[in-house]
Amino acid sequence: MIESLLKKGYGVILREHPFFVQKQSCIEQWSKYENFKMGDTKQWLDDSFLNVGVIVTDYSSMGSSFPYVGLVRSVFLNQNPGNLIKIDGVEVYDSCVSSVFSNMQEAQKEIESILNPLTQKETREFLEDYREKQVYNLRKSGSFIADFIVKLMDE
């Protein structure tokens, strides 16, 4: 899927999870594309997160929290979508801000749809509104912490 997105001209930033076992041959192949970049995994947040159009992950909690901060949808790739990680009994996946796929072709269609410039503004506005209406968003704390994180990343 990564190679297909690169061939279509999409920029791809690979941020390996600390437990990810590198497949060096894949990374070498992808590195041949100018639109491929390795993200800085030594920092939790770096500038690669400021301009991301979609976050794609398998189990990472980043996939569940980033849509509220970056105002972009996340895509979970998981061989067993019914078995996602739960924190305190609550799945990290929220269908309003994320999609789950076990099929790479379906995931790729969703990613391309998310990256469509015609829908990005609408998605951003929806996510901003959705974030504001969350139960845990007492006194606009969700937007406050999201703005704080973005400002921290700018420094």
Foldseek 3Di string as FASTA:
>chain_A
DLVVCLVVPAADEDEDDPPDDDPVVVVVVSVVGPSYYYDDNVDPDACVLQDDLEAEEAADLCQLLVCLQNVHAYEHAYLDVVDHDDDVNHHSDDVLRYYYDPDPVVSVVVSVVSNPPVCVVVSSVSSPVVQCPDPPCPPNVSVVVSVVVVVVNVD
